[in-house]
Amino acid sequence: MSCQVMHALLKDVAILTFFVRFNVALEFKEDDTKGNFSTVPKEKNAFKLRCDVEKKIVITVTQHALQRELQIER
């Protein structure tokens, strides 16, 4: 698509710019041999992971409080 065509298409489009802040949490879980997963302990600045144990990583993303909510679809 040429620049002229793009310019013609975007001529009447209002472009809004705003910033969105997110909080992100990372959690490591390990199989506790009872079929459940428990949170891995953290010591100083390191996680204490065990060898040969099934693991899960849980990532939680939440939007920081704003007057405008960002709608996200899967």
PDB file of N, CA and C in Angstrom:
ATOM      1  N   MET A   1       0.847  -1.165   0.000  1.00  0.00           N
ATOM      2  CA  MET A   1       0.000   0.000   0.000  1.00  0.00           C
ATOM      3  C   MET A   1       0.899   1.236   0.000  1.00  0.00           C
ATOM      4  N   SER A   2       0.596   2.173  -0.855  1.00  0.00           N
ATOM      5  CA  SER A   2       1.443   3.358  -0.973  1.00  0.00           C
ATOM      6  C   SER A   2       1.162   4.343   0.158  1.00  0.00           C
ATOM      7  N   CYS A   3       2.073   5.268   0.348  1.00  0.00           N
ATOM      8  CA  CYS A   3       1.928   6.297   1.374  1.00  0.00           C
ATOM      9  C   CYS A   3       0.715   7.180   1.105  1.00  0.00           C
ATOM     10  N   GLN A   4       0.442   7.452  -0.157  1.00  0.00           N
ATOM     11  CA  GLN A   4      -0.700   8.298  -0.510  1.00  0.00           C
ATOM     12  C   GLN A   4      -2.017   7.625  -0.128  1.00  0.00           C
ATOM     13  N   VAL A   5      -2.108   6.327  -0.364  1.00  0.00           N
ATOM     14  CA  VAL A   5      -3.325   5.584  -0.007  1.00  0.00           C
ATOM     15  C   VAL A   5      -3.488   5.548   1.502  1.00  0.00           C
ATOM     16  N   MET A   6      -2.398   5.285   2.229  1.00  0.00           N
ATOM     17  CA  MET A   6      -2.455   5.266   3.697  1.00  0.00           C
ATOM     18  C   MET A   6      -2.881   6.630   4.230  1.00  0.00           C
ATOM     19  N   HIS A   7      -2.315   7.690   3.677  1.00  0.00           N
ATOM     20  CA  HIS A   7      -2.665   9.047   4.118  1.00  0.00           C
ATOM     21  C   HIS A   7      -4.148   9.323   3.881  1.00  0.00           C
ATOM     22  N   ALA A   8      -4.672   8.899   2.759  1.00  0.00           N
ATOM     23  CA  ALA A   8      -6.090   9.090   2.448  1.00  0.00           C
ATOM     24  C   ALA A   8      -6.972   8.312   3.418  1.00  0.00           C
ATOM     25  N   LEU A   9      -6.561   7.098   3.776  1.00  0.00           N
ATOM     26  CA  LEU A   9      -7.354   6.275   4.697  1.00  0.00           C
ATOM     27  C   LEU A   9      -7.344   6.842   6.111  1.00  0.00           C
ATOM     28  N   LEU A  10      -6.206   7.389   6.534  1.00  0.00           N
ATOM     29  CA  LEU A  10      -6.062   7.867   7.907  1.00  0.00           C
ATOM     30  C   LEU A  10      -6.442   9.332   8.073  1.00  0.00           C
ATOM     31  N   LYS A  11      -6.795  10.006   6.997  1.00  0.00           N
ATOM     32  CA  LYS A  11      -7.075  11.442   7.036  1.00  0.00           C
ATOM     33  C   LYS A  11      -8.164  11.789   8.051  1.00  0.00           C
ATOM     34  N   ASP A  12      -9.222  11.007   8.104  1.00  0.00           N
ATOM     35  CA  ASP A  12     -10.362  11.311   8.977  1.00  0.00           C
ATOM     36  C   ASP A  12     -10.360  10.486  10.273  1.00  0.00           C
ATOM     37  N   VAL A  13      -9.279   9.804  10.562  1.00  0.00           N
ATOM     38  CA  VAL A  13      -9.206   8.969  11.760  1.00  0.00           C
ATOM     39  C   VAL A  13      -8.562   9.770  12.891  1.00  0.00           C
ATOM     40  N   ALA A  14      -9.232   9.839  14.009  1.00  0.00           N
ATOM     41  CA  ALA A  14      -8.666  10.498  15.184  1.00  0.00           C
ATOM     42  C   ALA A  14      -7.807   9.480  15.927  1.00  0.00           C
ATOM     43  N   ILE A  15      -6.568   9.818  16.154  1.00  0.00           N
ATOM     44  CA  ILE A  15      -5.650   8.909  16.838  1.00  0.00           C
ATOM     45  C   ILE A  15      -5.514   9.356  18.285  1.00  0.00           C
ATOM     46  N   LEU A  16      -5.867   8.477  19.191  1.00  0.00           N
ATOM     47  CA  LEU A  16      -5.763   8.762  20.618  1.00  0.00           C
ATOM     48  C   LEU A  16      -4.542   8.057  21.176  1.00  0.00           C
ATOM     49  N   THR A  17      -3.807   8.770  21.976  1.00  0.00           N
ATOM     50  CA  THR A  17      -2.642   8.173  22.619  1.00  0.00           C
ATOM     51  C   THR A  17      -2.796   8.324  24.122  1.00  0.00           C
ATOM     52  N   PHE A  18      -2.683   7.216  24.836  1.00  0.00           N
ATOM     53  CA  PHE A  18      -2.683   7.272  26.292  1.00  0.00           C
ATOM     54  C   PHE A  18      -1.827   6.123  26.798  1.00  0.00           C
ATOM     55  N   PHE A  19      -1.368   6.253  28.008  1.00  0.00           N
ATOM     56  CA  PHE A  19      -0.487   5.259  28.602  1.00  0.00           C
ATOM     57  C   PHE A  19      -1.270   4.401  29.583  1.00  0.00           C
ATOM     58  N   VAL A  20      -0.947   3.126  29.587  1.00  0.00           N
ATOM     59  CA  VAL A  20      -1.590   2.180  30.495  1.00  0.00           C
ATOM     60  C   VAL A  20      -0.490   1.525  31.311  1.00  0.00           C
ATOM     61  N   ARG A  21      -0.684   1.448  32.605  1.00  0.00           N
ATOM     62  CA  ARG A  21       0.313   0.865  33.497  1.00  0.00           C
ATOM     63  C   ARG A  21      -0.220  -0.476  34.026  1.00  0.00           C
ATOM     64  N   PHE A  22       0.658  -1.486  34.006  1.00  0.00           N
ATOM     65  CA  PHE A  22       0.286  -2.811  34.478  1.00  0.00           C
ATOM     66  C   PHE A  22       1.178  -3.233  35.638  1.00  0.00           C
ATOM     67  N   ASN A  23       0.610  -4.010  36.546  1.00  0.00           N
ATOM     68  CA  ASN A  23       1.375  -4.677  37.597  1.00  0.00           C
ATOM     69  C   ASN A  23       1.493  -6.138  37.176  1.00  0.00           C
ATOM     70  N   VAL A  24       2.705  -6.675  37.233  1.00  0.00           N
ATOM     71  CA  VAL A  24       2.941  -8.058  36.826  1.00  0.00           C
ATOM     72  C   VAL A  24       3.585  -8.813  37.986  1.00  0.00           C
ATOM     73  N   ALA A  25       3.023  -9.981  38.308  1.00  0.00           N
ATOM     74  CA  ALA A  25       3.568 -10.827  39.369  1.00  0.00           C
ATOM     75  C   ALA A  25       3.943 -12.183  38.780  1.00  0.00           C
ATOM     76  N   LEU A  26       5.057 -12.711  39.220  1.00  0.00           N
ATOM     77  CA  LEU A  26       5.552 -14.010  38.758  1.00  0.00           C
ATOM     78  C   LEU A  26       5.651 -14.936  39.963  1.00  0.00           C
ATOM     79  N   GLU A  27       5.076 -16.124  39.823  1.00  0.00           N
ATOM     80  CA  GLU A  27       5.074 -17.079  40.933  1.00  0.00           C
ATOM     81  C   GLU A  27       5.451 -18.463  40.395  1.00  0.00           C
ATOM     82  N   PHE A  28       6.368 -19.126  41.082  1.00  0.00           N
ATOM     83  CA  PHE A  28       6.770 -20.489  40.729  1.00  0.00           C
ATOM     84  C   PHE A  28       6.080 -21.450  41.683  1.00  0.00           C
ATOM     85  N   LYS A  29       5.540 -22.536  41.117  1.00  0.00           N
ATOM     86  CA  LYS A  29       4.897 -23.570  41.939  1.00  0.00           C
ATOM     87  C   LYS A  29       5.481 -24.924  41.576  1.00  0.00           C
ATOM     88  N   GLU A  30       5.559 -25.803  42.586  1.00  0.00           N
ATOM     89  CA  GLU A  30       6.077 -27.163  42.382  1.00  0.00           C
ATOM     90  C   GLU A  30       5.063 -28.178  42.872  1.00  0.00           C
ATOM     91  N   ASP A  31       5.089 -29.341  42.245  1.00  0.00           N
ATOM     92  CA  ASP A  31       4.229 -30.449  42.645  1.00  0.00           C
ATOM     93  C   ASP A  31       4.634 -30.887  44.054  1.00  0.00           C
ATOM     94  N   ASP A  32       3.646 -31.005  44.931  1.00  0.00           N
ATOM     95  CA  ASP A  32       3.952 -31.386  46.322  1.00  0.00           C
ATOM     96  C   ASP A  32       3.769 -32.888  46.566  1.00  0.00           C
ATOM     97  N   THR A  33       3.739 -33.690  45.511  1.00  0.00           N
ATOM     98  CA  THR A  33       3.575 -35.159  45.523  1.00  0.00           C
ATOM     99  C   THR A  33       2.192 -35.611  45.993  1.00  0.00           C
ATOM    100  N   LYS A  34       1.288 -34.687  46.300  1.00  0.00           N
ATOM    101  CA  LYS A  34      -0.083 -35.026  46.681  1.00  0.00           C
ATOM    102  C   LYS A  34      -1.072 -34.594  45.598  1.00  0.00           C
ATOM    103  N   GLY A  35      -0.527 -34.221  44.436  1.00  0.00           N
ATOM    104  CA  GLY A  35      -1.379 -33.791  43.344  1.00  0.00           C
ATOM    105  C   GLY A  35      -1.682 -32.304  43.335  1.00  0.00           C
ATOM    106  N   ASN A  36      -1.125 -31.593  44.283  1.00  0.00           N
ATOM    107  CA  ASN A  36      -1.317 -30.143  44.355  1.00  0.00           C
ATOM    108  C   ASN A  36      -0.011 -29.438  44.033  1.00  0.00           C
ATOM    109  N   PHE A  37      -0.106 -28.177  43.733  1.00  0.00           N
ATOM    110  CA  PHE A  37       1.085 -27.370  43.495  1.00  0.00           C
ATOM    111  C   PHE A  37       1.165 -26.305  44.573  1.00  0.00           C
ATOM    112  N   SER A  38       2.339 -26.218  45.196  1.00  0.00           N
ATOM    113  CA  SER A  38       2.535 -25.216  46.237  1.00  0.00           C
ATOM    114  C   SER A  38       3.614 -24.230  45.808  1.00  0.00           C
ATOM    115  N   THR A  39       3.519 -23.025  46.341  1.00  0.00           N
ATOM    116  CA  THR A  39       4.442 -21.958  45.981  1.00  0.00           C
ATOM    117  C   THR A  39       5.858 -22.295  46.434  1.00  0.00           C
ATOM    118  N   VAL A  40       6.820 -22.045  45.553  1.00  0.00           N
ATOM    119  CA  VAL A  40       8.230 -22.304  45.848  1.00  0.00           C
ATOM    120  C   VAL A  40       8.732 -21.233  46.809  1.00  0.00           C
ATOM    121  N   PRO A  41       9.447 -21.641  47.861  1.00  0.00           N
ATOM    122  CA  PRO A  41       9.982 -20.637  48.785  1.00  0.00           C
ATOM    123  C   PRO A  41      11.076 -19.794  48.140  1.00  0.00           C
ATOM    124  N   LYS A  42      11.168 -18.575  48.616  1.00  0.00           N
ATOM    125  CA  LYS A  42      12.173 -17.641  48.103  1.00  0.00           C
ATOM    126  C   LYS A  42      13.103 -17.268  49.253  1.00  0.00           C
ATOM    127  N   GLU A  43      14.385 -17.334  48.983  1.00  0.00           N
ATOM    128  CA  GLU A  43      15.383 -16.985  50.000  1.00  0.00           C
ATOM    129  C   GLU A  43      16.261 -15.875  49.446  1.00  0.00           C
ATOM    130  N   LYS A  44      16.308 -14.748  50.112  1.00  0.00           N
ATOM    131  CA  LYS A  44      17.027 -13.551  49.649  1.00  0.00           C
ATOM    132  C   LYS A  44      16.509 -13.169  48.269  1.00  0.00           C
ATOM    133  N   ASN A  45      17.325 -13.283  47.243  1.00  0.00           N
ATOM    134  CA  ASN A  45      16.911 -12.917  45.887  1.00  0.00           C
ATOM    135  C   ASN A  45      16.857 -14.123  44.959  1.00  0.00           C
ATOM    136  N   ALA A  46      16.599 -15.315  45.505  1.00  0.00           N
ATOM    137  CA  ALA A  46      16.591 -16.529  44.682  1.00  0.00           C
ATOM    138  C   ALA A  46      15.439 -17.441  45.095  1.00  0.00           C
ATOM    139  N   PHE A  47      14.919 -18.175  44.129  1.00  0.00           N
ATOM    140  CA  PHE A  47      13.899 -19.175  44.409  1.00  0.00           C
ATOM    141  C   PHE A  47      14.588 -20.499  44.697  1.00  0.00           C
ATOM    142  N   LYS A  48      14.052 -21.260  45.632  1.00  0.00           N
ATOM    143  CA  LYS A  48      14.628 -22.558  45.997  1.00  0.00           C
ATOM    144  C   LYS A  48      13.893 -23.656  45.229  1.00  0.00           C
ATOM    145  N   LEU A  49      14.335 -23.900  43.993  1.00  0.00           N
ATOM    146  CA  LEU A  49      13.722 -24.907  43.138  1.00  0.00           C
ATOM    147  C   LEU A  49      14.358 -26.265  43.373  1.00  0.00           C
ATOM    148  N   ARG A  50      13.524 -27.317  43.357  1.00  0.00           N
ATOM    149  CA  ARG A  50      14.028 -28.684  43.528  1.00  0.00           C
ATOM    150  C   ARG A  50      14.174 -29.354  42.170  1.00  0.00           C
ATOM    151  N   CYS A  51      15.114 -30.262  42.085  1.00  0.00           N
ATOM    152  CA  CYS A  51      15.351 -31.017  40.845  1.00  0.00           C
ATOM    153  C   CYS A  51      14.272 -32.083  40.656  1.00  0.00           C
ATOM    154  N   ASP A  52      14.009 -32.427  39.399  1.00  0.00           N
ATOM    155  CA  ASP A  52      13.121 -33.532  39.033  1.00  0.00           C
ATOM    156  C   ASP A  52      11.723 -33.431  39.645  1.00  0.00           C
ATOM    157  N   VAL A  53      11.215 -32.227  39.779  1.00  0.00           N
ATOM    158  CA  VAL A  53       9.862 -32.007  40.292  1.00  0.00           C
ATOM    159  C   VAL A  53       9.114 -31.162  39.263  1.00  0.00           C
ATOM    160  N   GLU A  54       7.879 -31.572  38.943  1.00  0.00           N
ATOM    161  CA  GLU A  54       7.102 -30.814  37.973  1.00  0.00           C
ATOM    162  C   GLU A  54       6.813 -29.418  38.505  1.00  0.00           C
ATOM    163  N   LYS A  55       6.906 -28.427  37.606  1.00  0.00           N
ATOM    164  CA  LYS A  55       6.738 -27.038  38.004  1.00  0.00           C
ATOM    165  C   LYS A  55       5.682 -26.346  37.156  1.00  0.00           C
ATOM    166  N   LYS A  56       5.100 -25.301  37.730  1.00  0.00           N
ATOM    167  CA  LYS A  56       4.186 -24.413  37.019  1.00  0.00           C
ATOM    168  C   LYS A  56       4.659 -22.992  37.270  1.00  0.00           C
ATOM    169  N   ILE A  57       4.490 -22.158  36.247  1.00  0.00           N
ATOM    170  CA  ILE A  57       4.780 -20.738  36.392  1.00  0.00           C
ATOM    171  C   ILE A  57       3.457 -19.993  36.254  1.00  0.00           C
ATOM    172  N   VAL A  58       3.148 -19.164  37.238  1.00  0.00           N
ATOM    173  CA  VAL A  58       1.915 -18.396  37.243  1.00  0.00           C
ATOM    174  C   VAL A  58       2.278 -16.932  37.030  1.00  0.00           C
ATOM    175  N   ILE A  59       1.724 -16.343  35.974  1.00  0.00           N
ATOM    176  CA  ILE A  59       1.956 -14.936  35.674  1.00  0.00           C
ATOM    177  C   ILE A  59       0.616 -14.218  35.832  1.00  0.00           C
ATOM    178  N   THR A  60       0.585 -13.224  36.703  1.00  0.00           N
ATOM    179  CA  THR A  60      -0.616 -12.456  36.948  1.00  0.00           C
ATOM    180  C   THR A  60      -0.402 -11.029  36.470  1.00  0.00           C
ATOM    181  N   VAL A  61      -1.285 -10.562  35.594  1.00  0.00           N
ATOM    182  CA  VAL A  61      -1.192  -9.199  35.066  1.00  0.00           C
ATOM    183  C   VAL A  61      -2.466  -8.466  35.453  1.00  0.00           C
ATOM    184  N   THR A  62      -2.316  -7.344  36.149  1.00  0.00           N
ATOM    185  CA  THR A  62      -3.455  -6.515  36.510  1.00  0.00           C
ATOM    186  C   THR A  62      -3.190  -5.086  36.058  1.00  0.00           C
ATOM    187  N   GLN A  63      -4.248  -4.412  35.699  1.00  0.00           N
ATOM    188  CA  GLN A  63      -4.108  -3.034  35.260  1.00  0.00           C
ATOM    189  C   GLN A  63      -4.049  -2.124  36.478  1.00  0.00           C
ATOM    190  N   HIS A  64      -3.073  -1.221  36.471  1.00  0.00           N
ATOM    191  CA  HIS A  64      -2.929  -0.241  37.535  1.00  0.00           C
ATOM    192  C   HIS A  64      -4.149   0.680  37.502  1.00  0.00           C
ATOM    193  N   ALA A  65      -4.576   1.141  38.651  1.00  0.00           N
ATOM    194  CA  ALA A  65      -5.782   1.978  38.731  1.00  0.00           C
ATOM    195  C   ALA A  65      -5.676   3.213  37.842  1.00  0.00           C
ATOM    196  N   LEU A  66      -6.631   3.337  36.951  1.00  0.00           N
ATOM    197  CA  LEU A  66      -6.725   4.486  36.053  1.00  0.00           C
ATOM    198  C   LEU A  66      -8.191   4.878  35.923  1.00  0.00           C
ATOM    199  N   GLN A  67      -8.409   6.060  35.398  1.00  0.00           N
ATOM    200  CA  GLN A  67      -9.787   6.455  35.153  1.00  0.00           C
ATOM    201  C   GLN A  67     -10.342   5.771  33.908  1.00  0.00           C
ATOM    202  N   ARG A  68      -9.467   5.235  33.076  1.00  0.00           N
ATOM    203  CA  ARG A  68      -9.890   4.591  31.837  1.00  0.00           C
ATOM    204  C   ARG A  68      -9.432   3.137  31.844  1.00  0.00           C
ATOM    205  N   GLU A  69     -10.359   2.213  31.703  1.00  0.00           N
ATOM    206  CA  GLU A  69     -10.019   0.798  31.710  1.00  0.00           C
ATOM    207  C   GLU A  69      -9.743   0.310  30.294  1.00  0.00           C
ATOM    208  N   LEU A  70      -8.693  -0.451  30.139  1.00  0.00           N
ATOM    209  CA  LEU A  70      -8.322  -0.997  28.841  1.00  0.00           C
ATOM    210  C   LEU A  70      -9.008  -2.360  28.690  1.00  0.00           C
ATOM    211  N   GLN A  71      -9.814  -2.514  27.659  1.00  0.00           N
ATOM    212  CA  GLN A  71     -10.512  -3.767  27.393  1.00  0.00           C
ATOM    213  C   GLN A  71      -9.618  -4.689  26.586  1.00  0.00           C
ATOM    214  N   ILE A  72      -9.374  -5.887  27.079  1.00  0.00           N
ATOM    215  CA  ILE A  72      -8.526  -6.860  26.381  1.00  0.00           C
ATOM    216  C   ILE A  72      -9.363  -8.105  26.113  1.00  0.00           C
ATOM    217  N   GLU A  73      -9.331  -8.549  24.871  1.00  0.00           N
ATOM    218  CA  GLU A  73     -10.030  -9.775  24.496  1.00  0.00           C
ATOM    219  C   GLU A  73      -9.011 -10.860  24.199  1.00  0.00           C
ATOM    220  N   ARG A  74      -9.395 -12.079  24.450  1.00  0.00           N
ATOM    221  CA  ARG A  74      -8.496 -13.197  24.182  1.00  0.00           C
ATOM    222  C   ARG A  74      -8.433 -13.474  22.715  1.00  0.00           C
TER     223      ARG A  74
END
